[in-house]
Amino acid sequence: MEKSKSKMNQIQAPTYGNLITILSIDGGGIRGVIPATILSFLESELQQKLDGEDARIADYFDVIAGTSTGGLVTAMLTSPDGHNRPLFAAKDIKSFYLVHSPKIFPQINGGLLAPVRRMVRALWGSKYNGKYLHSLIKEKLGGVRLHQTLTNVIIPTFDIKQLHPTIFSSYEVNRRRTLDAHLADICIGTTAAPTYLPAHYFETKCPKEMITREFNLVDGGIAANNPALVAVGEVTKEVYKKNPDYFPYKAMDYRRFLLVSLGTGSAKVEGKYSAEYASKWGVLGWLLSGGSNPLIDVFMQASADMVDIHLSVFFRALRSESNYLRIEDDTLTGTISSVDVSTKENLEDLVHVGEQLLKKPVSRVNLETGIYEPVGNGEGTNGDALRRFAKILSKERRFRELRSPNVESPGKLHAR
């Protein structure tokens, strides 16, 4: 199954370079505005200072992984347009959220009956019917299938019929053709957060093998709200399967991994819930409290934090901490920490969070407390770190093009 890629624009295999480059984007509903803002900054650095206005995020990463809202961003960054270039530039994704979020998550008018309406909707169906989101995703992504992405993608979902994660992986699609679903269906599945949006059913068919596979999917955050570790695992499997793209990499070459992991923010510092408060909850309390869904919040945050903790230990053990950049803000409070409050004011506040996050010092998780703490070794701000990573990514891409027999005119990109 051949990928629809232009030889001049695709990222060349890691076997022609020095690094394996991975981008990971967490789930988090409308808080996807935060990583969208970060990605816009990274892409602008690549365009304005290094490789020209045609540069796109998908040109630089061997793997882009995304869960839930991050899965949608992943698809938008890697789906081909009519010229076999990414459907969306990074700067367009932020605009996508600002324009469409109010229609994806229509807000209930205030008043005394608002809490009652929310409770009724929670008891008798999903908070939102998803019709606008589903039609929008299908309109934007069209008939693009998993095998057609412009670089490798990994999008976790969870199959509630099998009670097992389903990972849509570019690496697996050639071996398991039933995974070659439309990206639109994959995105609808990975964004189907329980209680917020309805579960998604679809089928894939392989006429030659006469096989039909059904999928009963909900939000990928149930399995991996932070998909970075899933991405590392998928690449590792390719190494052991002796994929020629990764042939030179041995088990101890993990120091060659370059991983950028983008969170969507959390209210960790706020101390949102307490045992005393939660001890009085029944089923409804765990589903509806303070205008949010504590059960979903807890599951998603636990998943994301465990991955970050494991990866922090992993890169420290390899003495290659500088190859792992986690950008996350755990100081959100109140409405801004919600996944579905789509008022104009809140969306603008989320853009501001992303912009301010670029100015904050590079931080790493404290393995004891789980709180992000500034790194005091001269790494500067998150913006500084992204500028450094942009230079590394640009250099790696040019190096691969010079060595690759797949590029007709190597060295097309030149530093400005």
Protein backbone atom coordinates (compact mmCIF):
# COMPACT_ATOMS: atom_id res chain seq x y z
CA MET A 1 0.00 0.00 0.00
CA GLU A 2 1.86 3.05 -1.25
CA LYS A 3 1.70 6.36 0.55
CA SER A 4 0.58 9.44 -1.36
CA LYS A 5 3.72 11.50 -0.84
CA SER A 6 5.81 13.80 -2.97
CA LYS A 7 9.45 12.77 -2.88
CA MET A 8 10.52 16.35 -2.70
CA ASN A 9 8.42 17.15 0.35
CA GLN A 10 8.22 14.01 2.46
CA ILE A 11 10.52 13.62 5.41
CA GLN A 12 13.16 11.05 4.54
CA ALA A 13 13.57 7.91 6.60
CA PRO A 14 15.63 8.11 9.82
CA THR A 15 18.11 5.68 8.32
CA TYR A 16 19.49 8.64 6.32
CA GLY A 17 19.85 10.86 9.36
CA ASN A 18 20.95 10.99 12.98
CA LEU A 19 17.64 11.27 14.84
CA ILE A 20 14.14 9.85 15.15
CA THR A 21 11.83 12.85 15.47
CA ILE A 22 8.47 12.59 17.27
CA LEU A 23 5.73 15.12 17.93
CA SER A 24 3.01 14.27 20.44
CA ILE A 25 -0.19 16.22 21.17
CA ASP A 26 -2.42 15.54 24.19
CA GLY A 27 -6.20 15.44 24.33
CA GLY A 28 -8.17 18.19 26.04
CA GLY A 29 -11.19 19.40 24.07
CA ILE A 30 -11.15 23.12 23.28
CA ARG A 31 -7.87 23.39 25.20
CA GLY A 32 -6.39 22.13 21.93
CA VAL A 33 -6.07 25.88 21.24
CA ILE A 34 -2.98 25.81 23.49
CA PRO A 35 -0.86 23.30 21.47
CA ALA A 36 -2.21 24.85 18.26
CA THR A 37 -0.70 28.17 19.38
CA ILE A 38 2.61 26.45 20.24
CA LEU A 39 2.73 24.68 16.87
CA SER A 40 2.05 27.93 15.04
CA PHE A 41 5.12 29.40 16.74
CA LEU A 42 7.30 26.39 15.85
CA GLU A 43 6.21 26.39 12.22
CA SER A 44 6.79 30.15 11.92
CA GLU A 45 10.36 29.66 13.18
CA LEU A 46 10.95 27.02 10.50
CA GLN A 47 9.43 29.25 7.84
CA GLN A 48 10.77 32.70 8.66
CA LYS A 49 14.25 31.92 9.94
CA LEU A 50 15.27 28.58 8.45
CA ASP A 51 13.57 26.95 5.50
CA GLY A 52 11.11 29.30 3.83
CA GLU A 53 7.35 29.83 3.80
CA ASP A 54 6.55 26.41 2.32
CA ALA A 55 7.86 24.59 5.41
CA ARG A 56 5.24 22.61 7.33
CA ILE A 57 5.33 20.67 10.59
CA ALA A 58 4.80 17.35 8.78
CA ASP A 59 8.05 17.87 6.86
CA TYR A 60 10.14 17.47 10.00
CA PHE A 61 8.68 14.70 12.16
CA ASP A 62 8.96 10.97 11.51
CA VAL A 63 5.90 10.45 13.68
CA ILE A 64 3.09 12.73 14.79
CA ALA A 65 0.89 11.26 17.51
CA GLY A 66 -2.31 12.77 18.84
CA THR A 67 -5.16 11.79 21.11
CA SER A 68 -8.69 13.20 21.04
CA THR A 69 -8.39 16.89 20.10
CA GLY A 70 -4.68 16.16 19.52
CA GLY A 71 -5.69 13.41 17.08
CA LEU A 72 -7.72 15.93 15.13
CA VAL A 73 -4.75 18.32 15.04
CA THR A 74 -2.54 15.42 13.89
CA ALA A 75 -4.89 14.66 11.01
CA MET A 76 -5.07 18.32 10.00
CA LEU A 77 -1.27 18.61 9.95
CA THR A 78 -0.73 15.45 7.90
CA SER A 79 -3.68 15.12 5.51
CA PRO A 80 -2.71 15.92 1.92
CA ASP A 81 -4.39 18.63 -0.11
CA GLY A 82 -4.74 18.59 -3.89
CA HIS A 83 -1.03 19.38 -4.27
CA ASN A 84 0.08 16.66 -1.83
CA ARG A 85 0.98 19.21 0.81
CA PRO A 86 -0.52 19.46 4.32
CA LEU A 87 -4.17 20.43 4.32
CA PHE A 88 -3.64 22.90 7.17
CA ALA A 89 -0.72 25.10 8.12
CA ALA A 90 -0.23 25.22 11.88
CA LYS A 91 -1.46 28.82 12.06
CA ASP A 92 -4.76 27.77 10.48
CA ILE A 93 -5.52 25.28 13.24
CA LYS A 94 -5.83 27.95 15.91
CA SER A 95 -8.31 29.78 13.69
CA PHE A 96 -10.20 26.52 13.17
CA TYR A 97 -10.77 26.22 16.92
CA LEU A 98 -11.79 29.83 17.36
CA VAL A 99 -14.33 29.72 14.53
CA HIS A 100 -15.87 26.30 15.05
CA SER A 101 -15.70 25.55 18.79
CA PRO A 102 -18.86 27.54 19.66
CA LYS A 103 -20.82 25.38 17.22
CA ILE A 104 -19.17 22.13 18.31
CA PHE A 105 -19.88 22.88 21.97
CA PRO A 106 -22.96 25.15 21.99
CA GLN A 107 -23.40 26.70 25.41
CA ILE A 108 -26.56 26.45 27.46
CA ASN A 109 -27.97 29.85 28.30
CA GLY A 110 -27.56 30.84 31.92
CA GLY A 111 -30.33 31.15 34.44
CA LEU A 112 -31.78 29.17 37.27
CA LEU A 113 -32.68 26.20 35.08
CA ALA A 114 -29.22 25.77 33.51
CA PRO A 115 -27.98 23.22 36.12
CA VAL A 116 -31.18 21.21 35.67
CA ARG A 117 -30.76 21.17 31.89
CA ARG A 118 -27.18 19.96 32.23
CA MET A 119 -28.25 17.19 34.58
CA VAL A 120 -31.03 16.04 32.26
CA ARG A 121 -28.68 15.93 29.29
CA ALA A 122 -26.10 13.98 31.31
CA LEU A 123 -28.72 11.41 32.36
CA TRP A 124 -30.31 10.88 28.95
CA GLY A 125 -27.49 11.20 26.46
CA SER A 126 -24.25 12.90 25.57
CA LYS A 127 -23.89 16.53 26.52
CA TYR A 128 -23.46 17.36 22.81
CA ASN A 129 -24.87 15.44 19.82
CA GLY A 130 -21.66 15.83 17.79
CA LYS A 131 -23.51 16.45 14.50
CA TYR A 132 -21.73 19.69 13.68
CA LEU A 133 -18.31 18.27 14.65
CA HIS A 134 -18.84 15.11 12.61
CA SER A 135 -19.97 16.93 9.48
CA LEU A 136 -17.12 19.42 9.83
CA ILE A 137 -14.47 16.69 10.15
CA LYS A 138 -15.87 14.82 7.15
CA GLU A 139 -15.96 18.02 5.11
CA LYS A 140 -12.36 18.96 5.92
CA LEU A 141 -10.73 15.53 5.74
CA GLY A 142 -12.86 14.12 2.94
CA GLY A 143 -11.98 10.59 1.85
CA VAL A 144 -8.36 10.59 3.06
CA ARG A 145 -7.37 7.26 4.58
CA LEU A 146 -4.75 6.42 7.17
CA HIS A 147 -2.18 5.18 4.64
CA GLN A 148 -2.26 8.52 2.79
CA THR A 149 -0.90 10.80 5.53
CA LEU A 150 2.18 12.84 4.65
CA THR A 151 4.19 11.40 7.54
CA ASN A 152 3.58 8.57 9.97
CA VAL A 153 0.74 9.16 12.40
CA ILE A 154 -0.42 7.42 15.56
CA ILE A 155 -3.91 8.09 16.90
CA PRO A 156 -5.15 6.13 19.96
CA THR A 157 -8.81 5.28 20.42
CA PHE A 158 -10.63 2.87 22.73
CA ASP A 159 -13.01 0.16 21.49
CA ILE A 160 -15.78 -0.24 24.06
CA LYS A 161 -17.02 -3.51 22.54
CA GLN A 162 -13.60 -5.13 22.82
CA LEU A 163 -12.70 -3.18 25.98
CA HIS A 164 -9.30 -2.68 24.43
CA PRO A 165 -7.33 0.23 22.95
CA THR A 166 -7.31 0.48 19.17
CA ILE A 167 -4.22 2.31 17.93
CA PHE A 168 -4.44 3.65 14.39
CA SER A 169 -0.81 3.52 13.33
CA SER A 170 0.81 4.19 9.96
CA TYR A 171 3.29 1.48 10.82
CA GLU A 172 0.62 -1.17 11.28
CA VAL A 173 -1.65 -0.27 8.39
CA ASN A 174 0.42 -2.17 5.80
CA ARG A 175 0.26 -5.34 7.90
CA ARG A 176 -3.32 -4.91 9.14
CA ARG A 177 -5.30 -3.48 6.25
CA THR A 178 -8.50 -3.30 8.29
CA LEU A 179 -6.91 -0.35 10.12
CA ASP A 180 -6.91 1.67 6.90
CA ALA A 181 -9.95 3.70 7.91
CA HIS A 182 -10.91 7.17 6.78
CA LEU A 183 -9.12 9.76 8.90
CA ALA A 184 -12.51 11.38 9.46
CA ASP A 185 -13.84 8.25 11.18
CA ILE A 186 -10.66 7.91 13.23
CA CYS A 187 -10.93 11.53 14.39
CA ILE A 188 -14.61 11.22 15.26
CA GLY A 189 -13.75 8.13 17.29
CA THR A 190 -10.78 9.55 19.17
CA THR A 191 -12.69 12.73 20.09
CA ALA A 192 -15.78 10.89 21.41
CA ALA A 193 -15.23 11.75 25.08
CA PRO A 194 -17.69 9.79 27.25
CA THR A 195 -20.59 11.94 28.51
CA TYR A 196 -19.56 14.78 26.16
CA LEU A 197 -19.89 13.25 22.68
CA PRO A 198 -21.49 10.01 21.43
CA ALA A 199 -19.50 6.85 20.73
CA HIS A 200 -18.72 6.27 17.05
CA TYR A 201 -19.37 3.12 15.01
CA PHE A 202 -17.97 2.37 11.57
CA GLU A 203 -16.63 -0.51 9.51
CA THR A 204 -13.67 -1.08 7.22
CA LYS A 205 -13.62 -3.64 4.43
CA CYS A 206 -10.83 -5.42 2.61
CA PRO A 207 -12.42 -6.85 -0.56
CA LYS A 208 -9.38 -8.92 -1.56
CA GLU A 209 -9.21 -10.70 1.79
CA MET A 210 -13.03 -10.61 2.13
CA ILE A 211 -12.66 -9.19 5.65
CA THR A 212 -14.90 -6.66 7.37
CA ARG A 213 -13.95 -5.13 10.70
CA GLU A 214 -16.21 -3.13 12.95
CA PHE A 215 -15.14 -0.39 15.34
CA ASN A 216 -17.04 0.86 18.40
CA LEU A 217 -14.91 3.78 19.52
CA VAL A 218 -14.70 6.36 22.26
CA ASP A 219 -12.09 8.94 23.17
CA GLY A 220 -8.49 7.81 22.90
CA GLY A 221 -7.81 9.53 26.22
CA ILE A 222 -9.32 6.49 27.94
CA ALA A 223 -6.17 4.65 26.87
CA ALA A 224 -3.53 7.34 26.33
CA ASN A 225 -4.44 10.99 26.75
CA ASN A 226 -0.75 11.73 26.31
CA PRO A 227 0.22 9.55 23.31
CA ALA A 228 3.99 10.15 23.47
CA LEU A 229 4.79 6.77 25.00
CA VAL A 230 2.59 5.01 22.44
CA ALA A 231 4.61 6.72 19.70
CA VAL A 232 7.92 5.63 21.24
CA GLY A 233 6.55 2.10 21.51
CA GLU A 234 5.44 2.00 17.87
CA VAL A 235 8.87 3.10 16.68
CA THR A 236 10.53 0.55 18.96
CA LYS A 237 8.44 -2.22 17.41
CA GLU A 238 9.63 -1.14 13.97
CA VAL A 239 13.25 -1.40 15.11
CA TYR A 240 12.72 -4.96 16.31
CA LYS A 241 10.83 -5.86 13.14
CA LYS A 242 13.89 -4.66 11.20
CA ASN A 243 12.02 -2.06 9.24
CA PRO A 244 14.69 -0.77 6.80
CA ASP A 245 13.77 2.80 7.71
CA TYR A 246 15.13 2.12 11.21
CA PHE A 247 17.75 -0.54 10.48
CA PRO A 248 20.79 1.31 11.92
CA TYR A 249 19.14 1.85 15.31
CA LYS A 250 19.94 -0.64 18.03
CA ALA A 251 18.25 -1.07 21.39
CA MET A 252 20.52 1.45 23.12
CA ASP A 253 20.15 4.13 20.46
CA TYR A 254 17.18 5.71 22.23
CA ARG A 255 19.40 8.72 22.81
CA ARG A 256 18.72 9.54 19.18
CA PHE A 257 15.05 10.12 19.90
CA LEU A 258 13.97 13.77 19.70
CA LEU A 259 10.55 14.17 21.29
CA VAL A 260 8.36 17.27 21.50
CA SER A 261 5.30 16.64 23.69
CA LEU A 262 2.57 19.27 23.91
CA GLY A 263 0.02 19.29 26.71
CA THR A 264 -3.33 21.05 26.76
CA GLY A 265 -3.10 22.45 30.29
CA SER A 266 -4.57 21.34 33.60
CA ALA A 267 -5.91 22.72 36.87
CA LYS A 268 -3.46 20.73 38.95
CA VAL A 269 -2.20 23.69 40.98
CA GLU A 270 -5.74 24.87 41.68
CA GLY A 271 -6.45 21.86 43.87
CA LYS A 272 -9.78 21.43 42.16
CA TYR A 273 -11.20 18.54 44.19
CA SER A 274 -10.71 17.27 47.74
CA ALA A 275 -11.37 13.93 49.40
CA GLU A 276 -13.78 15.60 51.82
CA TYR A 277 -15.74 17.05 48.90
CA ALA A 278 -15.62 13.87 46.76
CA SER A 279 -16.58 11.58 49.67
CA LYS A 280 -20.12 12.91 49.38
CA TRP A 281 -20.42 12.18 45.65
CA GLY A 282 -22.59 9.47 44.19
CA VAL A 283 -22.74 8.61 40.50
CA LEU A 284 -24.05 12.05 39.58
CA GLY A 285 -21.42 13.78 41.69
CA TRP A 286 -18.61 12.02 39.83
CA LEU A 287 -20.22 12.92 36.52
CA LEU A 288 -21.30 16.47 37.32
CA SER A 289 -19.58 18.70 39.81
CA GLY A 290 -18.59 22.34 39.59
CA GLY A 291 -19.61 22.50 35.95
CA SER A 292 -17.19 19.75 34.89
CA ASN A 293 -16.89 15.96 34.83
CA PRO A 294 -14.57 14.89 37.68
CA LEU A 295 -14.42 11.23 36.60
CA ILE A 296 -13.26 12.07 33.08
CA ASP A 297 -10.91 14.79 34.38
CA VAL A 298 -9.23 12.34 36.74
CA PHE A 299 -8.84 9.56 34.18
CA MET A 300 -7.45 11.83 31.48
CA GLN A 301 -5.04 13.67 33.78
CA ALA A 302 -3.75 10.46 35.35
CA SER A 303 -3.07 9.01 31.89
CA ALA A 304 -1.18 12.09 30.72
CA ASP A 305 0.87 12.45 33.91
CA MET A 306 1.96 8.81 34.04
CA VAL A 307 3.33 9.04 30.51
CA ASP A 308 5.24 12.23 31.28
CA ILE A 309 6.69 10.72 34.45
CA HIS A 310 7.82 7.57 32.62
CA LEU A 311 9.39 9.55 29.77
CA SER A 312 11.12 11.96 32.15
CA VAL A 313 12.74 9.03 33.96
CA PHE A 314 13.56 7.40 30.62
CA PHE A 315 15.39 10.41 29.16
CA ARG A 316 17.15 11.16 32.45
CA ALA A 317 18.44 7.61 32.61
CA LEU A 318 19.84 8.01 29.10
CA ARG A 319 21.39 11.38 30.05
CA SER A 320 19.58 12.96 27.14
CA GLU A 321 17.06 15.20 28.91
CA SER A 322 17.62 17.94 26.35
CA ASN A 323 16.10 15.67 23.66
CA TYR A 324 12.74 15.65 25.45
CA LEU A 325 10.69 18.83 25.54
CA ARG A 326 7.37 18.73 27.38
CA ILE A 327 5.41 21.97 27.21
CA GLU A 328 2.52 22.02 29.65
CA ASP A 329 0.74 24.53 31.89
CA ASP A 330 -0.61 23.08 35.14
CA THR A 331 -1.74 26.43 36.56
CA LEU A 332 -5.12 26.77 34.84
CA THR A 333 -7.99 27.81 37.08
CA GLY A 334 -11.74 28.04 36.78
CA THR A 335 -13.48 28.07 33.43
CA ILE A 336 -10.29 28.11 31.41
CA SER A 337 -9.49 24.57 32.60
CA SER A 338 -12.73 23.20 31.10
CA VAL A 339 -12.79 21.12 27.93
CA ASP A 340 -15.98 22.56 26.47
CA VAL A 341 -16.66 26.15 27.55
CA SER A 342 -16.53 27.68 24.09
CA THR A 343 -17.39 31.30 24.81
CA LYS A 344 -15.44 33.91 22.87
CA GLU A 345 -13.86 35.13 26.10
CA ASN A 346 -12.66 31.69 27.13
CA LEU A 347 -11.25 30.87 23.70
CA GLU A 348 -9.31 34.15 23.69
CA ASP A 349 -8.04 33.34 27.18
CA LEU A 350 -6.78 29.96 25.92
CA VAL A 351 -4.87 31.66 23.10
CA HIS A 352 -3.33 33.93 25.73
CA VAL A 353 -2.34 30.87 27.81
CA GLY A 354 -0.52 29.42 24.80
CA GLU A 355 1.25 32.69 24.07
CA GLN A 356 2.30 33.13 27.70
CA LEU A 357 3.45 29.53 27.88
CA LEU A 358 6.03 30.35 25.21
CA LYS A 359 7.44 32.98 27.58
CA LYS A 360 7.58 30.71 30.62
CA PRO A 361 10.81 28.90 31.53
CA VAL A 362 11.32 25.33 30.38
CA SER A 363 9.93 23.12 33.13
CA ARG A 364 10.02 19.44 34.00
CA VAL A 365 7.74 17.42 36.20
CA ASN A 366 8.80 16.87 39.81
CA LEU A 367 8.61 13.09 40.13
CA GLU A 368 7.51 13.37 43.75
CA THR A 369 4.84 16.07 43.56
CA GLY A 370 3.79 15.89 39.89
CA ILE A 371 4.10 19.67 39.66
CA TYR A 372 6.06 21.29 36.83
CA GLU A 373 9.14 23.16 38.04
CA PRO A 374 11.45 25.47 36.05
CA VAL A 375 14.71 23.98 34.87
CA GLY A 376 17.58 26.06 36.15
CA ASN A 377 20.32 25.10 33.72
CA GLY A 378 20.14 27.87 31.17
CA GLU A 379 17.55 26.30 28.85
CA GLY A 380 15.60 29.56 28.82
CA THR A 381 11.92 29.79 27.95
CA ASN A 382 9.75 27.32 26.07
CA GLY A 383 10.04 29.67 23.11
CA ASP A 384 13.85 29.47 23.34
CA ALA A 385 13.66 25.68 23.47
CA LEU A 386 11.42 25.56 20.40
CA ARG A 387 13.85 27.78 18.50
CA ARG A 388 16.63 25.34 19.40
CA PHE A 389 14.51 22.38 18.33
CA ALA A 390 13.58 24.12 15.08
CA LYS A 391 17.27 24.45 14.20
CA ILE A 392 17.87 20.78 15.01
CA LEU A 393 14.87 19.69 12.94
CA SER A 394 15.93 21.82 9.98
CA LYS A 395 19.50 20.54 10.11
CA GLU A 396 18.29 16.94 10.37
CA ARG A 397 16.01 17.34 7.37
CA ARG A 398 18.74 18.83 5.17
CA PHE A 399 21.17 16.10 6.25
CA ARG A 400 18.69 13.38 5.29
CA GLU A 401 18.02 14.95 1.91
CA LEU A 402 21.72 15.07 1.15
CA ARG A 403 22.12 11.37 1.96
CA SER A 404 18.84 10.00 0.59
CA PRO A 405 18.67 8.34 -2.85
CA ASN A 406 14.91 9.09 -2.84
CA VAL A 407 15.37 12.82 -3.40
CA GLU A 408 16.07 13.83 -6.99
CA SER A 409 17.68 17.15 -6.07
CA PRO A 410 19.11 16.87 -2.55
CA GLY A 411 19.68 19.93 -0.45
CA LYS A 412 16.67 21.84 -1.67
CA LEU A 413 16.29 23.49 1.72
CA HIS A 414 18.93 26.03 2.64
CA ALA A 415 19.28 28.01 5.82
CA ARG A 416 18.52 31.65 5.31
